Amino acid sequence: MHIHLQVYLNDALNVTAQATTQLAFPEAITSAVYATYAKGPNTSVPTNSADNVFSDGVSLEMLSVTGDNTSGYVATMTVSIAA
């Protein structure tokens, strides 16, 4: 399970994607969500290492997640953009 993230710059109305990445969830969170809610083909990738978008690891893409299946989750990450 991951979220796609694209950064766009608007330069004189010429909007262009400048960066694309994916954001990873801690595996304990993914397991809890899959066990409770998920049904279907996306549950066939149970770990970040099995997800081909993270072939280089998740050290720079890992979200900080709080919460639980009952109250919901909040995921945060600071993304820095340098021009």
PDB file of N, CA and C in Angstrom:
ATOM      1  N   MET A   1       0.861  -1.160   0.000  1.00  0.00           N
ATOM      2  CA  MET A   1       0.000   0.000   0.000  1.00  0.00           C
ATOM      3  C   MET A   1       0.906   1.221   0.000  1.00  0.00           C
ATOM      4  N   HIS A   2       0.651   2.146  -0.922  1.00  0.00           N
ATOM      5  CA  HIS A   2       1.414   3.379  -0.975  1.00  0.00           C
ATOM      6  C   HIS A   2       0.574   4.477  -1.614  1.00  0.00           C
ATOM      7  N   ILE A   3       1.018   5.700  -1.437  1.00  0.00           N
ATOM      8  CA  ILE A   3       0.363   6.872  -2.020  1.00  0.00           C
ATOM      9  C   ILE A   3       1.324   7.486  -3.018  1.00  0.00           C
ATOM     10  N   HIS A   4       0.818   7.857  -4.176  1.00  0.00           N
ATOM     11  CA  HIS A   4       1.641   8.553  -5.165  1.00  0.00           C
ATOM     12  C   HIS A   4       1.644  10.046  -4.859  1.00  0.00           C
ATOM     13  N   LEU A   5       2.788  10.677  -5.038  1.00  0.00           N
ATOM     14  CA  LEU A   5       2.934  12.108  -4.800  1.00  0.00           C
ATOM     15  C   LEU A   5       3.639  12.732  -5.993  1.00  0.00           C
ATOM     16  N   GLN A   6       3.039  13.791  -6.550  1.00  0.00           N
ATOM     17  CA  GLN A   6       3.685  14.557  -7.609  1.00  0.00           C
ATOM     18  C   GLN A   6       3.742  16.010  -7.188  1.00  0.00           C
ATOM     19  N   VAL A   7       4.872  16.644  -7.467  1.00  0.00           N
ATOM     20  CA  VAL A   7       5.056  18.062  -7.204  1.00  0.00           C
ATOM     21  C   VAL A   7       4.993  18.778  -8.541  1.00  0.00           C
ATOM     22  N   TYR A   8       4.158  19.811  -8.607  1.00  0.00           N
ATOM     23  CA  TYR A   8       4.005  20.599  -9.821  1.00  0.00           C
ATOM     24  C   TYR A   8       4.455  22.025  -9.580  1.00  0.00           C
ATOM     25  N   LEU A   9       5.108  22.620 -10.558  1.00  0.00           N
ATOM     26  CA  LEU A   9       5.439  24.033 -10.525  1.00  0.00           C
ATOM     27  C   LEU A   9       4.593  24.748 -11.567  1.00  0.00           C
ATOM     28  N   ASN A  10       4.101  25.907 -11.205  1.00  0.00           N
ATOM     29  CA  ASN A  10       3.308  26.713 -12.127  1.00  0.00           C
ATOM     30  C   ASN A  10       4.181  27.875 -12.559  1.00  0.00           C
ATOM     31  N   ASP A  11       4.725  27.798 -13.758  1.00  0.00           N
ATOM     32  CA  ASP A  11       5.621  28.811 -14.295  1.00  0.00           C
ATOM     33  C   ASP A  11       4.947  29.478 -15.484  1.00  0.00           C
ATOM     34  N   ALA A  12       4.355  30.663 -15.256  1.00  0.00           N
ATOM     35  CA  ALA A  12       3.644  31.404 -16.303  1.00  0.00           C
ATOM     36  C   ALA A  12       2.565  30.532 -16.943  1.00  0.00           C
ATOM     37  N   LEU A  13       1.819  29.834 -16.093  1.00  0.00           N
ATOM     38  CA  LEU A  13       0.723  28.948 -16.496  1.00  0.00           C
ATOM     39  C   LEU A  13       1.187  27.730 -17.286  1.00  0.00           C
ATOM     40  N   ASN A  14       2.482  27.464 -17.288  1.00  0.00           N
ATOM     41  CA  ASN A  14       3.003  26.247 -17.891  1.00  0.00           C
ATOM     42  C   ASN A  14       3.226  25.252 -16.756  1.00  0.00           C
ATOM     43  N   VAL A  15       2.176  24.524 -16.400  1.00  0.00           N
ATOM     44  CA  VAL A  15       2.223  23.630 -15.248  1.00  0.00           C
ATOM     45  C   VAL A  15       2.894  22.316 -15.665  1.00  0.00           C
ATOM     46  N   THR A  16       3.977  21.988 -14.969  1.00  0.00           N
ATOM     47  CA  THR A  16       4.756  20.808 -15.317  1.00  0.00           C
ATOM     48  C   THR A  16       5.094  20.024 -14.052  1.00  0.00           C
ATOM     49  N   ALA A  17       4.953  18.715 -14.129  1.00  0.00           N
ATOM     50  CA  ALA A  17       5.353  17.867 -12.994  1.00  0.00           C
ATOM     51  C   ALA A  17       6.868  17.914 -12.876  1.00  0.00           C
ATOM     52  N   GLN A  18       7.359  18.229 -11.685  1.00  0.00           N
ATOM     53  CA  GLN A  18       8.797  18.337 -11.450  1.00  0.00           C
ATOM     54  C   GLN A  18       9.370  17.147 -10.696  1.00  0.00           C
ATOM     55  N   ALA A  19       8.537  16.483  -9.925  1.00  0.00           N
ATOM     56  CA  ALA A  19       9.018  15.338  -9.152  1.00  0.00           C
ATOM     57  C   ALA A  19       7.868  14.381  -8.899  1.00  0.00           C
ATOM     58  N   THR A  20       8.176  13.109  -8.918  1.00  0.00           N
ATOM     59  CA  THR A  20       7.186  12.074  -8.637  1.00  0.00           C
ATOM     60  C   THR A  20       7.821  11.064  -7.685  1.00  0.00           C
ATOM     61  N   THR A  21       7.054  10.662  -6.686  1.00  0.00           N
ATOM     62  CA  THR A  21       7.532   9.651  -5.747  1.00  0.00           C
ATOM     63  C   THR A  21       6.331   8.907  -5.181  1.00  0.00           C
ATOM     64  N   GLN A  22       6.588   7.975  -4.306  1.00  0.00           N
ATOM     65  CA  GLN A  22       5.543   7.256  -3.596  1.00  0.00           C
ATOM     66  C   GLN A  22       5.833   7.380  -2.111  1.00  0.00           C
ATOM     67  N   LEU A  23       4.771   7.368  -1.315  1.00  0.00           N
ATOM     68  CA  LEU A  23       4.901   7.449   0.136  1.00  0.00           C
ATOM     69  C   LEU A  23       4.513   6.107   0.745  1.00  0.00           C
ATOM     70  N   ALA A  24       5.345   5.617   1.641  1.00  0.00           N
ATOM     71  CA  ALA A  24       5.165   4.285   2.234  1.00  0.00           C
ATOM     72  C   ALA A  24       4.526   4.372   3.611  1.00  0.00           C
ATOM     73  N   PHE A  25       3.775   3.355   3.956  1.00  0.00           N
ATOM     74  CA  PHE A  25       3.188   3.209   5.280  1.00  0.00           C
ATOM     75  C   PHE A  25       4.009   2.198   6.084  1.00  0.00           C
ATOM     76  N   PRO A  26       4.128   2.383   7.394  1.00  0.00           N
ATOM     77  CA  PRO A  26       4.768   1.346   8.210  1.00  0.00           C
ATOM     78  C   PRO A  26       4.029   0.013   8.020  1.00  0.00           C
ATOM     79  N   GLU A  27       4.770  -1.068   7.972  1.00  0.00           N
ATOM     80  CA  GLU A  27       4.164  -2.366   7.670  1.00  0.00           C
ATOM     81  C   GLU A  27       3.152  -2.812   8.714  1.00  0.00           C
ATOM     82  N   ALA A  28       3.319  -2.411   9.964  1.00  0.00           N
ATOM     83  CA  ALA A  28       2.338  -2.768  10.999  1.00  0.00           C
ATOM     84  C   ALA A  28       0.984  -2.119  10.694  1.00  0.00           C
ATOM     85  N   ILE A  29       1.002  -0.906  10.169  1.00  0.00           N
ATOM     86  CA  ILE A  29      -0.234  -0.211   9.800  1.00  0.00           C
ATOM     87  C   ILE A  29      -0.876  -0.902   8.601  1.00  0.00           C
ATOM     88  N   THR A  30      -0.070  -1.202   7.599  1.00  0.00           N
ATOM     89  CA  THR A  30      -0.590  -1.892   6.414  1.00  0.00           C
ATOM     90  C   THR A  30      -1.233  -3.215   6.806  1.00  0.00           C
ATOM     91  N   SER A  31      -0.575  -3.980   7.664  1.00  0.00           N
ATOM     92  CA  SER A  31      -1.115  -5.276   8.100  1.00  0.00           C
ATOM     93  C   SER A  31      -2.446  -5.106   8.821  1.00  0.00           C
ATOM     94  N   ALA A  32      -2.524  -4.120   9.703  1.00  0.00           N
ATOM     95  CA  ALA A  32      -3.769  -3.892  10.455  1.00  0.00           C
ATOM     96  C   ALA A  32      -4.910  -3.493   9.531  1.00  0.00           C
ATOM     97  N   VAL A  33      -4.632  -2.620   8.575  1.00  0.00           N
ATOM     98  CA  VAL A  33      -5.671  -2.172   7.639  1.00  0.00           C
ATOM     99  C   VAL A  33      -6.102  -3.328   6.740  1.00  0.00           C
ATOM    100  N   TYR A  34      -5.143  -4.063   6.187  1.00  0.00           N
ATOM    101  CA  TYR A  34      -5.482  -5.198   5.326  1.00  0.00           C
ATOM    102  C   TYR A  34      -6.315  -6.232   6.083  1.00  0.00           C
ATOM    103  N   ALA A  35      -5.949  -6.516   7.321  1.00  0.00           N
ATOM    104  CA  ALA A  35      -6.660  -7.526   8.092  1.00  0.00           C
ATOM    105  C   ALA A  35      -8.091  -7.109   8.403  1.00  0.00           C
ATOM    106  N   THR A  36      -8.332  -5.820   8.500  1.00  0.00           N
ATOM    107  CA  THR A  36      -9.658  -5.332   8.879  1.00  0.00           C
ATOM    108  C   THR A  36     -10.519  -4.944   7.688  1.00  0.00           C
ATOM    109  N   TYR A  37      -9.941  -4.236   6.713  1.00  0.00           N
ATOM    110  CA  TYR A  37     -10.749  -3.623   5.662  1.00  0.00           C
ATOM    111  C   TYR A  37     -10.514  -4.143   4.256  1.00  0.00           C
ATOM    112  N   ALA A  38      -9.284  -4.352   3.907  1.00  0.00           N
ATOM    113  CA  ALA A  38      -8.949  -4.538   2.497  1.00  0.00           C
ATOM    114  C   ALA A  38      -9.317  -5.916   1.980  1.00  0.00           C
ATOM    115  N   LYS A  39      -9.911  -5.911   0.827  1.00  0.00           N
ATOM    116  CA  LYS A  39     -10.183  -7.127   0.074  1.00  0.00           C
ATOM    117  C   LYS A  39      -9.857  -6.804  -1.379  1.00  0.00           C
ATOM    118  N   GLY A  40      -9.229  -7.708  -2.062  1.00  0.00           N
ATOM    119  CA  GLY A  40      -8.961  -7.470  -3.471  1.00  0.00           C
ATOM    120  C   GLY A  40      -7.492  -7.584  -3.825  1.00  0.00           C
ATOM    121  N   PRO A  41      -7.145  -7.209  -5.057  1.00  0.00           N
ATOM    122  CA  PRO A  41      -5.813  -7.469  -5.591  1.00  0.00           C
ATOM    123  C   PRO A  41      -4.692  -6.684  -4.902  1.00  0.00           C
ATOM    124  N   ASN A  42      -4.951  -5.503  -4.371  1.00  0.00           N
ATOM    125  CA  ASN A  42      -3.876  -4.728  -3.769  1.00  0.00           C
ATOM    126  C   ASN A  42      -3.337  -5.354  -2.501  1.00  0.00           C
ATOM    127  N   THR A  43      -4.081  -6.233  -1.867  1.00  0.00           N
ATOM    128  CA  THR A  43      -3.604  -6.886  -0.647  1.00  0.00           C
ATOM    129  C   THR A  43      -2.584  -7.980  -0.950  1.00  0.00           C
ATOM    130  N   SER A  44      -2.299  -8.214  -2.221  1.00  0.00           N
ATOM    131  CA  SER A  44      -1.323  -9.242  -2.577  1.00  0.00           C
ATOM    132  C   SER A  44       0.114  -8.759  -2.382  1.00  0.00           C
ATOM    133  N   VAL A  45       0.309  -7.485  -2.027  1.00  0.00           N
ATOM    134  CA  VAL A  45       1.646  -6.945  -1.769  1.00  0.00           C
ATOM    135  C   VAL A  45       1.698  -6.594  -0.279  1.00  0.00           C
ATOM    136  N   PRO A  46       2.049  -7.560   0.565  1.00  0.00           N
ATOM    137  CA  PRO A  46       1.917  -7.380   2.010  1.00  0.00           C
ATOM    138  C   PRO A  46       3.021  -6.560   2.675  1.00  0.00           C
ATOM    139  N   THR A  47       4.160  -6.387   2.008  1.00  0.00           N
ATOM    140  CA  THR A  47       5.275  -5.672   2.626  1.00  0.00           C
ATOM    141  C   THR A  47       5.823  -4.619   1.669  1.00  0.00           C
ATOM    142  N   ASN A  48       6.497  -3.620   2.226  1.00  0.00           N
ATOM    143  CA  ASN A  48       7.111  -2.598   1.378  1.00  0.00           C
ATOM    144  C   ASN A  48       8.195  -3.193   0.483  1.00  0.00           C
ATOM    145  N   SER A  49       8.956  -4.144   0.990  1.00  0.00           N
ATOM    146  CA  SER A  49      10.015  -4.747   0.178  1.00  0.00           C
ATOM    147  C   SER A  49       9.459  -5.552  -0.990  1.00  0.00           C
ATOM    148  N   ALA A  50       8.214  -6.013  -0.898  1.00  0.00           N
ATOM    149  CA  ALA A  50       7.577  -6.745  -1.996  1.00  0.00           C
ATOM    150  C   ALA A  50       6.944  -5.811  -3.022  1.00  0.00           C
ATOM    151  N   ASP A  51       6.864  -4.521  -2.701  1.00  0.00           N
ATOM    152  CA  ASP A  51       6.266  -3.527  -3.600  1.00  0.00           C
ATOM    153  C   ASP A  51       7.360  -2.999  -4.524  1.00  0.00           C
ATOM    154  N   ASN A  52       7.238  -3.245  -5.818  1.00  0.00           N
ATOM    155  CA  ASN A  52       8.317  -2.898  -6.737  1.00  0.00           C
ATOM    156  C   ASN A  52       8.623  -1.401  -6.797  1.00  0.00           C
ATOM    157  N   VAL A  53       7.732  -0.531  -6.358  1.00  0.00           N
ATOM    158  CA  VAL A  53       8.040   0.906  -6.376  1.00  0.00           C
ATOM    159  C   VAL A  53       9.060   1.276  -5.315  1.00  0.00           C
ATOM    160  N   PHE A  54       9.298   0.390  -4.350  1.00  0.00           N
ATOM    161  CA  PHE A  54      10.273   0.653  -3.295  1.00  0.00           C
ATOM    162  C   PHE A  54      11.515  -0.221  -3.439  1.00  0.00           C
ATOM    163  N   SER A  55      11.905  -0.515  -4.654  1.00  0.00           N
ATOM    164  CA  SER A  55      13.074  -1.365  -4.866  1.00  0.00           C
ATOM    165  C   SER A  55      14.345  -0.750  -4.296  1.00  0.00           C
ATOM    166  N   ASP A  56      14.359   0.573  -4.113  1.00  0.00           N
ATOM    167  CA  ASP A  56      15.528   1.243  -3.530  1.00  0.00           C
ATOM    168  C   ASP A  56      15.363   1.509  -2.035  1.00  0.00           C
ATOM    169  N   GLY A  57      14.338   0.942  -1.424  1.00  0.00           N
ATOM    170  CA  GLY A  57      14.094   1.129   0.005  1.00  0.00           C
ATOM    171  C   GLY A  57      13.053   2.200   0.277  1.00  0.00           C
ATOM    172  N   VAL A  58      12.739   2.404   1.548  1.00  0.00           N
ATOM    173  CA  VAL A  58      11.694   3.358   1.939  1.00  0.00           C
ATOM    174  C   VAL A  58      12.198   4.426   2.913  1.00  0.00           C
ATOM    175  N   SER A  59      13.495   4.528   3.094  1.00  0.00           N
ATOM    176  CA  SER A  59      14.019   5.434   4.122  1.00  0.00           C
ATOM    177  C   SER A  59      13.613   6.889   3.886  1.00  0.00           C
ATOM    178  N   LEU A  60      13.465   7.306   2.651  1.00  0.00           N
ATOM    179  CA  LEU A  60      13.097   8.699   2.356  1.00  0.00           C
ATOM    180  C   LEU A  60      11.606   8.881   2.088  1.00  0.00           C
ATOM    181  N   GLU A  61      10.857   7.789   2.017  1.00  0.00           N
ATOM    182  CA  GLU A  61       9.432   7.873   1.680  1.00  0.00           C
ATOM    183  C   GLU A  61       8.489   7.434   2.797  1.00  0.00           C
ATOM    184  N   MET A  62       9.013   7.098   3.963  1.00  0.00           N
ATOM    185  CA  MET A  62       8.179   6.546   5.035  1.00  0.00           C
ATOM    186  C   MET A  62       7.362   7.634   5.731  1.00  0.00           C
ATOM    187  N   LEU A  63       6.059   7.423   5.775  1.00  0.00           N
ATOM    188  CA  LEU A  63       5.152   8.321   6.486  1.00  0.00           C
ATOM    189  C   LEU A  63       5.217   8.068   7.984  1.00  0.00           C
ATOM    190  N   SER A  64       4.948   9.101   8.757  1.00  0.00           N
ATOM    191  CA  SER A  64       4.766   8.954  10.200  1.00  0.00           C
ATOM    192  C   SER A  64       3.263   8.819  10.418  1.00  0.00           C
ATOM    193  N   VAL A  65       2.841   7.717  11.010  1.00  0.00           N
ATOM    194  CA  VAL A  65       1.407   7.428  11.118  1.00  0.00           C
ATOM    195  C   VAL A  65       1.020   7.235  12.576  1.00  0.00           C
ATOM    196  N   THR A  66      -0.087   7.869  12.964  1.00  0.00           N
ATOM    197  CA  THR A  66      -0.683   7.657  14.271  1.00  0.00           C
ATOM    198  C   THR A  66      -2.124   7.227  14.074  1.00  0.00           C
ATOM    199  N   GLY A  67      -2.703   6.618  15.091  1.00  0.00           N
ATOM    200  CA  GLY A  67      -4.104   6.218  15.040  1.00  0.00           C
ATOM    201  C   GLY A  67      -4.277   4.725  15.027  1.00  0.00           C
ATOM    202  N   ASP A  68      -5.511   4.314  14.743  1.00  0.00           N
ATOM    203  CA  ASP A  68      -5.834   2.891  14.702  1.00  0.00           C
ATOM    204  C   ASP A  68      -7.059   2.684  13.816  1.00  0.00           C
ATOM    205  N   ASN A  69      -7.417   1.417  13.627  1.00  0.00           N
ATOM    206  CA  ASN A  69      -8.544   1.095  12.749  1.00  0.00           C
ATOM    207  C   ASN A  69      -9.872   1.630  13.269  1.00  0.00           C
ATOM    208  N   THR A  70      -9.985   1.827  14.563  1.00  0.00           N
ATOM    209  CA  THR A  70     -11.246   2.303  15.137  1.00  0.00           C
ATOM    210  C   THR A  70     -11.416   3.805  14.978  1.00  0.00           C
ATOM    211  N   SER A  71     -10.396   4.567  15.350  1.00  0.00           N
ATOM    212  CA  SER A  71     -10.514   6.035  15.314  1.00  0.00           C
ATOM    213  C   SER A  71     -10.011   6.637  14.010  1.00  0.00           C
ATOM    214  N   GLY A  72      -9.325   5.859  13.199  1.00  0.00           N
ATOM    215  CA  GLY A  72      -8.771   6.361  11.943  1.00  0.00           C
ATOM    216  C   GLY A  72      -7.287   6.663  12.085  1.00  0.00           C
ATOM    217  N   TYR A  73      -6.674   7.011  10.987  1.00  0.00           N
ATOM    218  CA  TYR A  73      -5.245   7.248  10.939  1.00  0.00           C
ATOM    219  C   TYR A  73      -4.949   8.662  10.460  1.00  0.00           C
ATOM    220  N   VAL A  74      -3.812   9.192  10.907  1.00  0.00           N
ATOM    221  CA  VAL A  74      -3.280  10.450  10.408  1.00  0.00           C
ATOM    222  C   VAL A  74      -1.847  10.169   9.981  1.00  0.00           C
ATOM    223  N   ALA A  75      -1.557  10.453   8.728  1.00  0.00           N
ATOM    224  CA  ALA A  75      -0.205  10.253   8.202  1.00  0.00           C
ATOM    225  C   ALA A  75       0.397  11.622   7.915  1.00  0.00           C
ATOM    226  N   THR A  76       1.668  11.794   8.312  1.00  0.00           N
ATOM    227  CA  THR A  76       2.342  13.066   8.077  1.00  0.00           C
ATOM    228  C   THR A  76       3.746  12.824   7.513  1.00  0.00           C
ATOM    229  N   MET A  77       4.192  13.837   6.785  1.00  0.00           N
ATOM    230  CA  MET A  77       5.555  13.836   6.262  1.00  0.00           C
ATOM    231  C   MET A  77       5.892  15.250   5.837  1.00  0.00           C
ATOM    232  N   THR A  78       7.078  15.673   6.129  1.00  0.00           N
ATOM    233  CA  THR A  78       7.553  16.970   5.642  1.00  0.00           C
ATOM    234  C   THR A  78       8.286  16.718   4.327  1.00  0.00           C
ATOM    235  N   VAL A  79       7.855  17.414   3.283  1.00  0.00           N
ATOM    236  CA  VAL A  79       8.471  17.274   1.972  1.00  0.00           C
ATOM    237  C   VAL A  79       9.183  18.585   1.660  1.00  0.00           C
ATOM    238  N   SER A  80      10.467  18.530   1.437  1.00  0.00           N
ATOM    239  CA  SER A  80      11.250  19.721   1.109  1.00  0.00           C
ATOM    240  C   SER A  80      11.468  19.782  -0.388  1.00  0.00           C
ATOM    241  N   ILE A  81      11.327  20.967  -0.944  1.00  0.00           N
ATOM    242  CA  ILE A  81      11.513  21.161  -2.374  1.00  0.00           C
ATOM    243  C   ILE A  81      12.554  22.262  -2.559  1.00  0.00           C
ATOM    244  N   ALA A  82      13.621  21.956  -3.253  1.00  0.00           N
ATOM    245  CA  ALA A  82      14.662  22.935  -3.520  1.00  0.00           C
ATOM    246  C   ALA A  82      14.677  23.228  -5.019  1.00  0.00           C
ATOM    247  N   ALA A  83      14.750  24.463  -5.343  1.00  0.00           N
ATOM    248  CA  ALA A  83      14.776  24.846  -6.768  1.00  0.00           C
ATOM    249  C   ALA A  83      16.192  25.004  -7.235  1.00  0.00           C
TER     250      ALA A  83
END
